[in-house]
Amino acid sequence: MAMEFITASVYRECMWKHWRRAVKLGDTETATPEAYFGFSAFDVAELHFHMVGQGDGLWFRLKDGRVIDRHGKPCASDTSLYDQVVN
């Protein structure tokens, strides 16, 4: 159980960083990262840092299979699209 909290804190920190950036840029007026993204850190299964056709970035893969980008937008959930570099 303790490991789940450590992992969730890492996910929460990533959510916080990208939510703060969106607030500073005027892209959102939501009061919390959870409101901005539509999920909590405990809903995240893993992070992806590369998507085929998009390049580097940050994508949250949720436990229910959905994938949300750092802007809070839904993305393709096909696992073969993430964290692989294709020439």
PDB file of N, CA and C in Angstrom:
ATOM      1  N   MET A   1       0.816  -1.197   0.000  1.00  0.00           N
ATOM      2  CA  MET A   1       0.000   0.000   0.000  1.00  0.00           C
ATOM      3  C   MET A   1       0.862   1.264   0.000  1.00  0.00           C
ATOM      4  N   ALA A   2       1.966   1.263   0.733  1.00  0.00           N
ATOM      5  CA  ALA A   2       2.823   2.445   0.785  1.00  0.00           C
ATOM      6  C   ALA A   2       3.384   2.777  -0.597  1.00  0.00           C
ATOM      7  N   MET A   3       3.721   1.738  -1.371  1.00  0.00           N
ATOM      8  CA  MET A   3       4.256   1.963  -2.716  1.00  0.00           C
ATOM      9  C   MET A   3       3.239   2.671  -3.603  1.00  0.00           C
ATOM     10  N   GLU A   4       1.960   2.340  -3.443  1.00  0.00           N
ATOM     11  CA  GLU A   4       0.917   2.998  -4.227  1.00  0.00           C
ATOM     12  C   GLU A   4       0.901   4.502  -3.947  1.00  0.00           C
ATOM     13  N   PHE A   5       1.106   4.895  -2.702  1.00  0.00           N
ATOM     14  CA  PHE A   5       1.122   6.321  -2.354  1.00  0.00           C
ATOM     15  C   PHE A   5       2.353   7.024  -2.917  1.00  0.00           C
ATOM     16  N   ILE A   6       3.499   6.322  -2.919  1.00  0.00           N
ATOM     17  CA  ILE A   6       4.719   6.905  -3.489  1.00  0.00           C
ATOM     18  C   ILE A   6       4.531   7.116  -4.985  1.00  0.00           C
ATOM     19  N   THR A   7       4.020   6.095  -5.672  1.00  0.00           N
ATOM     20  CA  THR A   7       3.784   6.204  -7.110  1.00  0.00           C
ATOM     21  C   THR A   7       2.765   7.297  -7.410  1.00  0.00           C
ATOM     22  N   ALA A   8       1.678   7.340  -6.643  1.00  0.00           N
ATOM     23  CA  ALA A   8       0.650   8.362  -6.855  1.00  0.00           C
ATOM     24  C   ALA A   8       1.226   9.753  -6.639  1.00  0.00           C
ATOM     25  N   SER A   9       2.170   9.895  -5.718  1.00  0.00           N
ATOM     26  CA  SER A   9       2.750  11.224  -5.488  1.00  0.00           C
ATOM     27  C   SER A   9       3.576  11.684  -6.690  1.00  0.00           C
ATOM     28  N   VAL A  10       4.228  10.747  -7.371  1.00  0.00           N
ATOM     29  CA  VAL A  10       4.967  11.087  -8.594  1.00  0.00           C
ATOM     30  C   VAL A  10       3.988  11.531  -9.679  1.00  0.00           C
ATOM     31  N   TYR A  11       2.903  10.779  -9.849  1.00  0.00           N
ATOM     32  CA  TYR A  11       1.900  11.132 -10.845  1.00  0.00           C
ATOM     33  C   TYR A  11       1.268  12.484 -10.504  1.00  0.00           C
ATOM     34  N   ARG A  12       0.991  12.696  -9.236  1.00  0.00           N
ATOM     35  CA  ARG A  12       0.387  13.959  -8.790  1.00  0.00           C
ATOM     36  C   ARG A  12       1.313  15.129  -9.105  1.00  0.00           C
ATOM     37  N   GLU A  13       2.605  14.952  -8.895  1.00  0.00           N
ATOM     38  CA  GLU A  13       3.579  16.011  -9.174  1.00  0.00           C
ATOM     39  C   GLU A  13       3.580  16.359 -10.671  1.00  0.00           C
ATOM     40  N   CYS A  14       3.512  15.353 -11.538  1.00  0.00           N
ATOM     41  CA  CYS A  14       3.445  15.597 -12.984  1.00  0.00           C
ATOM     42  C   CYS A  14       2.153  16.330 -13.345  1.00  0.00           C
ATOM     43  N   MET A  15       1.051  15.898 -12.747  1.00  0.00           N
ATOM     44  CA  MET A  15      -0.236  16.558 -12.997  1.00  0.00           C
ATOM     45  C   MET A  15      -0.170  18.012 -12.549  1.00  0.00           C
ATOM     46  N   TRP A  16       0.357  18.247 -11.357  1.00  0.00           N
ATOM     47  CA  TRP A  16       0.464  19.596 -10.795  1.00  0.00           C
ATOM     48  C   TRP A  16       1.284  20.494 -11.726  1.00  0.00           C
ATOM     49  N   LYS A  17       2.433  20.021 -12.183  1.00  0.00           N
ATOM     50  CA  LYS A  17       3.316  20.807 -13.041  1.00  0.00           C
ATOM     51  C   LYS A  17       2.599  21.261 -14.319  1.00  0.00           C
ATOM     52  N   HIS A  18       1.921  20.345 -14.976  1.00  0.00           N
ATOM     53  CA  HIS A  18       1.286  20.686 -16.250  1.00  0.00           C
ATOM     54  C   HIS A  18       0.008  21.493 -16.055  1.00  0.00           C
ATOM     55  N   TRP A  19      -0.690  21.273 -14.956  1.00  0.00           N
ATOM     56  CA  TRP A  19      -1.860  22.106 -14.633  1.00  0.00           C
ATOM     57  C   TRP A  19      -1.424  23.546 -14.344  1.00  0.00           C
ATOM     58  N   ARG A  20      -0.359  23.724 -13.548  1.00  0.00           N
ATOM     59  CA  ARG A  20       0.144  25.079 -13.230  1.00  0.00           C
ATOM     60  C   ARG A  20       0.550  25.803 -14.507  1.00  0.00           C
ATOM     61  N   ARG A  21       1.186  25.091 -15.413  1.00  0.00           N
ATOM     62  CA  ARG A  21       1.592  25.701 -16.685  1.00  0.00           C
ATOM     63  C   ARG A  21       0.359  26.177 -17.463  1.00  0.00           C
ATOM     64  N   ALA A  22      -0.668  25.345 -17.507  1.00  0.00           N
ATOM     65  CA  ALA A  22      -1.900  25.713 -18.216  1.00  0.00           C
ATOM     66  C   ALA A  22      -2.568  26.915 -17.556  1.00  0.00           C
ATOM     67  N   VAL A  23      -2.543  26.986 -16.235  1.00  0.00           N
ATOM     68  CA  VAL A  23      -3.112  28.136 -15.518  1.00  0.00           C
ATOM     69  C   VAL A  23      -2.331  29.401 -15.865  1.00  0.00           C
ATOM     70  N   LYS A  24      -1.006  29.325 -15.814  1.00  0.00           N
ATOM     71  CA  LYS A  24      -0.147  30.490 -16.106  1.00  0.00           C
ATOM     72  C   LYS A  24      -0.325  30.985 -17.543  1.00  0.00           C
ATOM     73  N   LEU A  25      -0.555  30.061 -18.470  1.00  0.00           N
ATOM     74  CA  LEU A  25      -0.741  30.440 -19.871  1.00  0.00           C
ATOM     75  C   LEU A  25      -2.167  30.888 -20.180  1.00  0.00           C
ATOM     76  N   GLY A  26      -3.045  30.774 -19.176  1.00  0.00           N
ATOM     77  CA  GLY A  26      -4.437  31.180 -19.375  1.00  0.00           C
ATOM     78  C   GLY A  26      -5.268  30.148 -20.122  1.00  0.00           C
ATOM     79  N   ASP A  27      -4.764  28.913 -20.184  1.00  0.00           N
ATOM     80  CA  ASP A  27      -5.484  27.858 -20.897  1.00  0.00           C
ATOM     81  C   ASP A  27      -6.601  27.234 -20.065  1.00  0.00           C
ATOM     82  N   THR A  28      -6.593  27.458 -18.751  1.00  0.00           N
ATOM     83  CA  THR A  28      -7.621  26.901 -17.882  1.00  0.00           C
ATOM     84  C   THR A  28      -7.824  27.786 -16.663  1.00  0.00           C
ATOM     85  N   GLU A  29      -9.010  27.686 -16.110  1.00  0.00           N
ATOM     86  CA  GLU A  29      -9.322  28.367 -14.855  1.00  0.00           C
ATOM     87  C   GLU A  29      -9.739  27.346 -13.801  1.00  0.00           C
ATOM     88  N   THR A  30      -9.484  26.056 -14.071  1.00  0.00           N
ATOM     89  CA  THR A  30      -9.868  25.022 -13.120  1.00  0.00           C
ATOM     90  C   THR A  30      -9.098  25.200 -11.819  1.00  0.00           C
ATOM     91  N   ALA A  31      -9.722  24.797 -10.720  1.00  0.00           N
ATOM     92  CA  ALA A  31      -9.160  25.032  -9.392  1.00  0.00           C
ATOM     93  C   ALA A  31      -8.131  23.990  -8.962  1.00  0.00           C
ATOM     94  N   THR A  32      -8.128  22.821  -9.604  1.00  0.00           N
ATOM     95  CA  THR A  32      -7.208  21.750  -9.202  1.00  0.00           C
ATOM     96  C   THR A  32      -6.736  20.970 -10.422  1.00  0.00           C
ATOM     97  N   PRO A  33      -5.612  20.270 -10.282  1.00  0.00           N
ATOM     98  CA  PRO A  33      -5.178  19.391 -11.378  1.00  0.00           C
ATOM     99  C   PRO A  33      -6.211  18.317 -11.694  1.00  0.00           C
ATOM    100  N   GLU A  34      -6.875  17.805 -10.664  1.00  0.00           N
ATOM    101  CA  GLU A  34      -7.883  16.768 -10.870  1.00  0.00           C
ATOM    102  C   GLU A  34      -9.043  17.275 -11.723  1.00  0.00           C
ATOM    103  N   ALA A  35      -9.437  18.513 -11.495  1.00  0.00           N
ATOM    104  CA  ALA A  35     -10.514  19.108 -12.301  1.00  0.00           C
ATOM    105  C   ALA A  35     -10.047  19.340 -13.740  1.00  0.00           C
ATOM    106  N   TYR A  36      -8.806  19.735 -13.907  1.00  0.00           N
ATOM    107  CA  TYR A  36      -8.245  19.990 -15.238  1.00  0.00           C
ATOM    108  C   TYR A  36      -8.150  18.699 -16.057  1.00  0.00           C
ATOM    109  N   PHE A  37      -7.602  17.658 -15.455  1.00  0.00           N
ATOM    110  CA  PHE A  37      -7.388  16.407 -16.177  1.00  0.00           C
ATOM    111  C   PHE A  37      -8.604  15.492 -16.188  1.00  0.00           C
ATOM    112  N   GLY A  38      -9.431  15.561 -15.163  1.00  0.00           N
ATOM    113  CA  GLY A  38     -10.594  14.691 -15.088  1.00  0.00           C
ATOM    114  C   GLY A  38     -10.326  13.350 -14.432  1.00  0.00           C
ATOM    115  N   PHE A  39      -9.228  13.240 -13.723  1.00  0.00           N
ATOM    116  CA  PHE A  39      -8.893  12.017 -12.986  1.00  0.00           C
ATOM    117  C   PHE A  39      -7.955  12.384 -11.841  1.00  0.00           C
ATOM    118  N   SER A  40      -7.755  11.434 -10.928  1.00  0.00           N
ATOM    119  CA  SER A  40      -6.822  11.672  -9.820  1.00  0.00           C
ATOM    120  C   SER A  40      -5.537  10.890 -10.058  1.00  0.00           C
ATOM    121  N   ALA A  41      -4.526  11.197  -9.289  1.00  0.00           N
ATOM    122  CA  ALA A  41      -3.248  10.502  -9.408  1.00  0.00           C
ATOM    123  C   ALA A  41      -3.405   9.006  -9.142  1.00  0.00           C
ATOM    124  N   PHE A  42      -4.375   8.621  -8.331  1.00  0.00           N
ATOM    125  CA  PHE A  42      -4.601   7.209  -8.034  1.00  0.00           C
ATOM    126  C   PHE A  42      -5.230   6.462  -9.214  1.00  0.00           C
ATOM    127  N   ASP A  43      -5.713   7.189 -10.224  1.00  0.00           N
ATOM    128  CA  ASP A  43      -6.281   6.568 -11.421  1.00  0.00           C
ATOM    129  C   ASP A  43      -5.218   6.234 -12.467  1.00  0.00           C
ATOM    130  N   VAL A  44      -3.997   6.745 -12.289  1.00  0.00           N
ATOM    131  CA  VAL A  44      -2.932   6.588 -13.283  1.00  0.00           C
ATOM    132  C   VAL A  44      -2.244   5.241 -13.110  1.00  0.00           C
ATOM    133  N   ALA A  45      -2.079   4.531 -14.223  1.00  0.00           N
ATOM    134  CA  ALA A  45      -1.372   3.245 -14.217  1.00  0.00           C
ATOM    135  C   ALA A  45       0.100   3.433 -14.573  1.00  0.00           C
ATOM    136  N   GLU A  46       0.374   4.341 -15.514  1.00  0.00           N
ATOM    137  CA  GLU A  46       1.749   4.599 -15.930  1.00  0.00           C
ATOM    138  C   GLU A  46       1.831   5.883 -16.740  1.00  0.00           C
ATOM    139  N   LEU A  47       3.056   6.343 -16.947  1.00  0.00           N
ATOM    140  CA  LEU A  47       3.320   7.522 -17.769  1.00  0.00           C
ATOM    141  C   LEU A  47       4.026   7.083 -19.038  1.00  0.00           C
ATOM    142  N   HIS A  48       3.754   7.789 -20.132  1.00  0.00           N
ATOM    143  CA  HIS A  48       4.465   7.586 -21.392  1.00  0.00           C
ATOM    144  C   HIS A  48       5.153   8.899 -21.742  1.00  0.00           C
ATOM    145  N   PHE A  49       6.329   8.784 -22.382  1.00  0.00           N
ATOM    146  CA  PHE A  49       7.113   9.973 -22.697  1.00  0.00           C
ATOM    147  C   PHE A  49       7.385  10.155 -24.186  1.00  0.00           C
ATOM    148  N   HIS A  50       6.851   9.270 -25.006  1.00  0.00           N
ATOM    149  CA  HIS A  50       7.002   9.393 -26.453  1.00  0.00           C
ATOM    150  C   HIS A  50       5.795   8.740 -27.116  1.00  0.00           C
ATOM    151  N   MET A  51       5.291   9.390 -28.164  1.00  0.00           N
ATOM    152  CA  MET A  51       4.190   8.818 -28.941  1.00  0.00           C
ATOM    153  C   MET A  51       4.553   8.877 -30.421  1.00  0.00           C
ATOM    154  N   VAL A  52       4.378   7.744 -31.096  1.00  0.00           N
ATOM    155  CA  VAL A  52       4.647   7.672 -32.525  1.00  0.00           C
ATOM    156  C   VAL A  52       3.807   8.732 -33.237  1.00  0.00           C
ATOM    157  N   GLY A  53       4.456   9.523 -34.079  1.00  0.00           N
ATOM    158  CA  GLY A  53       3.767  10.567 -34.830  1.00  0.00           C
ATOM    159  C   GLY A  53       3.652  11.889 -34.086  1.00  0.00           C
ATOM    160  N   GLN A  54       3.915  11.888 -32.787  1.00  0.00           N
ATOM    161  CA  GLN A  54       3.845  13.114 -31.984  1.00  0.00           C
ATOM    162  C   GLN A  54       5.211  13.512 -31.436  1.00  0.00           C
ATOM    163  N   GLY A  55       6.050  12.537 -31.163  1.00  0.00           N
ATOM    164  CA  GLY A  55       7.363  12.804 -30.578  1.00  0.00           C
ATOM    165  C   GLY A  55       7.311  12.762 -29.064  1.00  0.00           C
ATOM    166  N   ASP A  56       8.227  13.506 -28.450  1.00  0.00           N
ATOM    167  CA  ASP A  56       8.320  13.515 -26.998  1.00  0.00           C
ATOM    168  C   ASP A  56       7.188  14.322 -26.376  1.00  0.00           C
ATOM    169  N   GLY A  57       6.825  13.948 -25.170  1.00  0.00           N
ATOM    170  CA  GLY A  57       5.767  14.629 -24.441  1.00  0.00           C
ATOM    171  C   GLY A  57       5.445  13.866 -23.182  1.00  0.00           C
ATOM    172  N   LEU A  58       4.225  14.002 -22.704  1.00  0.00           N
ATOM    173  CA  LEU A  58       3.788  13.290 -21.511  1.00  0.00           C
ATOM    174  C   LEU A  58       2.347  12.852 -21.688  1.00  0.00           C
ATOM    175  N   TRP A  59       2.126  11.563 -21.475  1.00  0.00           N
ATOM    176  CA  TRP A  59       0.796  10.981 -21.576  1.00  0.00           C
ATOM    177  C   TRP A  59       0.546  10.142 -20.333  1.00  0.00           C
ATOM    178  N   PHE A  60      -0.636  10.302 -19.770  1.00  0.00           N
ATOM    179  CA  PHE A  60      -1.043   9.530 -18.607  1.00  0.00           C
ATOM    180  C   PHE A  60      -1.900   8.360 -19.083  1.00  0.00           C
ATOM    181  N   ARG A  61      -1.462   7.127 -18.815  1.00  0.00           N
ATOM    182  CA  ARG A  61      -2.292   5.958 -19.108  1.00  0.00           C
ATOM    183  C   ARG A  61      -3.032   5.618 -17.824  1.00  0.00           C
ATOM    184  N   LEU A  62      -4.357   5.641 -17.893  1.00  0.00           N
ATOM    185  CA  LEU A  62      -5.174   5.392 -16.717  1.00  0.00           C
ATOM    186  C   LEU A  62      -5.435   3.906 -16.538  1.00  0.00           C
ATOM    187  N   LYS A  63      -5.798   3.539 -15.335  1.00  0.00           N
ATOM    188  CA  LYS A  63      -6.075   2.135 -15.030  1.00  0.00           C
ATOM    189  C   LYS A  63      -7.226   1.570 -15.856  1.00  0.00           C
ATOM    190  N   ASP A  64      -8.120   2.447 -16.327  1.00  0.00           N
ATOM    191  CA  ASP A  64      -9.240   1.973 -17.156  1.00  0.00           C
ATOM    192  C   ASP A  64      -8.871   1.891 -18.646  1.00  0.00           C
ATOM    193  N   GLY A  65      -7.581   2.161 -18.985  1.00  0.00           N
ATOM    194  CA  GLY A  65      -7.106   2.025 -20.362  1.00  0.00           C
ATOM    195  C   GLY A  65      -7.066   3.309 -21.159  1.00  0.00           C
ATOM    196  N   ARG A  66      -7.745   4.359 -20.698  1.00  0.00           N
ATOM    197  CA  ARG A  66      -7.716   5.629 -21.428  1.00  0.00           C
ATOM    198  C   ARG A  66      -6.331   6.257 -21.325  1.00  0.00           C
ATOM    199  N   VAL A  67      -5.999   7.097 -22.315  1.00  0.00           N
ATOM    200  CA  VAL A  67      -4.749   7.851 -22.310  1.00  0.00           C
ATOM    201  C   VAL A  67      -5.105   9.328 -22.463  1.00  0.00           C
ATOM    202  N   ILE A  68      -4.525  10.148 -21.592  1.00  0.00           N
ATOM    203  CA  ILE A  68      -4.773  11.589 -21.572  1.00  0.00           C
ATOM    204  C   ILE A  68      -3.427  12.299 -21.699  1.00  0.00           C
ATOM    205  N   ASP A  69      -3.349  13.300 -22.577  1.00  0.00           N
ATOM    206  CA  ASP A  69      -2.076  14.011 -22.734  1.00  0.00           C
ATOM    207  C   ASP A  69      -1.909  15.086 -21.665  1.00  0.00           C
ATOM    208  N   ARG A  70      -0.774  15.779 -21.686  1.00  0.00           N
ATOM    209  CA  ARG A  70      -0.464  16.787 -20.664  1.00  0.00           C
ATOM    210  C   ARG A  70      -1.379  18.003 -20.729  1.00  0.00           C
ATOM    211  N   HIS A  71      -2.175  18.104 -21.793  1.00  0.00           N
ATOM    212  CA  HIS A  71      -3.137  19.199 -21.931  1.00  0.00           C
ATOM    213  C   HIS A  71      -4.542  18.777 -21.505  1.00  0.00           C
ATOM    214  N   GLY A  72      -4.666  17.545 -21.001  1.00  0.00           N
ATOM    215  CA  GLY A  72      -5.961  17.040 -20.560  1.00  0.00           C
ATOM    216  C   GLY A  72      -6.835  16.516 -21.681  1.00  0.00           C
ATOM    217  N   LYS A  73      -6.260  16.281 -22.847  1.00  0.00           N
ATOM    218  CA  LYS A  73      -7.008  15.801 -24.014  1.00  0.00           C
ATOM    219  C   LYS A  73      -6.867  14.289 -24.175  1.00  0.00           C
ATOM    220  N   PRO A  74      -7.955  13.601 -24.490  1.00  0.00           N
ATOM    221  CA  PRO A  74      -7.883  12.159 -24.727  1.00  0.00           C
ATOM    222  C   PRO A  74      -7.048  11.847 -25.971  1.00  0.00           C
ATOM    223  N   CYS A  75      -6.330  10.746 -25.916  1.00  0.00           N
ATOM    224  CA  CYS A  75      -5.486  10.302 -27.031  1.00  0.00           C
ATOM    225  C   CYS A  75      -5.735   8.819 -27.291  1.00  0.00           C
ATOM    226  N   ALA A  76      -5.175   8.348 -28.380  1.00  0.00           N
ATOM    227  CA  ALA A  76      -5.298   6.934 -28.727  1.00  0.00           C
ATOM    228  C   ALA A  76      -4.754   6.074 -27.591  1.00  0.00           C
ATOM    229  N   SER A  77      -5.402   4.948 -27.332  1.00  0.00           N
ATOM    230  CA  SER A  77      -4.977   4.102 -26.216  1.00  0.00           C
ATOM    231  C   SER A  77      -4.131   2.903 -26.639  1.00  0.00           C
ATOM    232  N   ASP A  78      -3.889   2.744 -27.922  1.00  0.00           N
ATOM    233  CA  ASP A  78      -3.088   1.628 -28.430  1.00  0.00           C
ATOM    234  C   ASP A  78      -1.682   1.677 -27.824  1.00  0.00           C
ATOM    235  N   THR A  79      -1.326   0.660 -27.050  1.00  0.00           N
ATOM    236  CA  THR A  79      -0.033   0.661 -26.355  1.00  0.00           C
ATOM    237  C   THR A  79       1.161   0.667 -27.304  1.00  0.00           C
ATOM    238  N   SER A  80       0.982   0.181 -28.524  1.00  0.00           N
ATOM    239  CA  SER A  80       2.109   0.141 -29.462  1.00  0.00           C
ATOM    240  C   SER A  80       2.515   1.532 -29.953  1.00  0.00           C
ATOM    241  N   LEU A  81       1.703   2.540 -29.686  1.00  0.00           N
ATOM    242  CA  LEU A  81       2.021   3.901 -30.117  1.00  0.00           C
ATOM    243  C   LEU A  81       2.938   4.653 -29.156  1.00  0.00           C
ATOM    244  N   TYR A  82       3.152   4.101 -27.979  1.00  0.00           N
ATOM    245  CA  TYR A  82       3.842   4.849 -26.935  1.00  0.00           C
ATOM    246  C   TYR A  82       5.214   4.277 -26.592  1.00  0.00           C
ATOM    247  N   ASP A  83       6.123   5.201 -26.279  1.00  0.00           N
ATOM    248  CA  ASP A  83       7.469   4.909 -25.791  1.00  0.00           C
ATOM    249  C   ASP A  83       8.287   4.065 -26.748  1.00  0.00           C
ATOM    250  N   GLN A  84       8.030   4.210 -28.043  1.00  0.00           N
ATOM    251  CA  GLN A  84       8.826   3.562 -29.063  1.00  0.00           C
ATOM    252  C   GLN A  84       9.213   4.620 -30.089  1.00  0.00           C
ATOM    253  N   VAL A  85      10.449   4.591 -30.524  1.00  0.00           N
ATOM    254  CA  VAL A  85      10.893   5.504 -31.569  1.00  0.00           C
ATOM    255  C   VAL A  85      10.891   4.739 -32.882  1.00  0.00           C
ATOM    256  N   VAL A  86      10.170   5.249 -33.854  1.00  0.00           N
ATOM    257  CA  VAL A  86      10.089   4.599 -35.158  1.00  0.00           C
ATOM    258  C   VAL A  86      10.754   5.512 -36.181  1.00  0.00           C
ATOM    259  N   ASN A  87      11.701   4.969 -36.952  1.00  0.00           N
ATOM    260  CA  ASN A  87      12.403   5.763 -37.976  1.00  0.00           C
ATOM    261  C   ASN A  87      11.602   5.833 -39.241  1.00  0.00           C
TER     262      ASN A  87
END
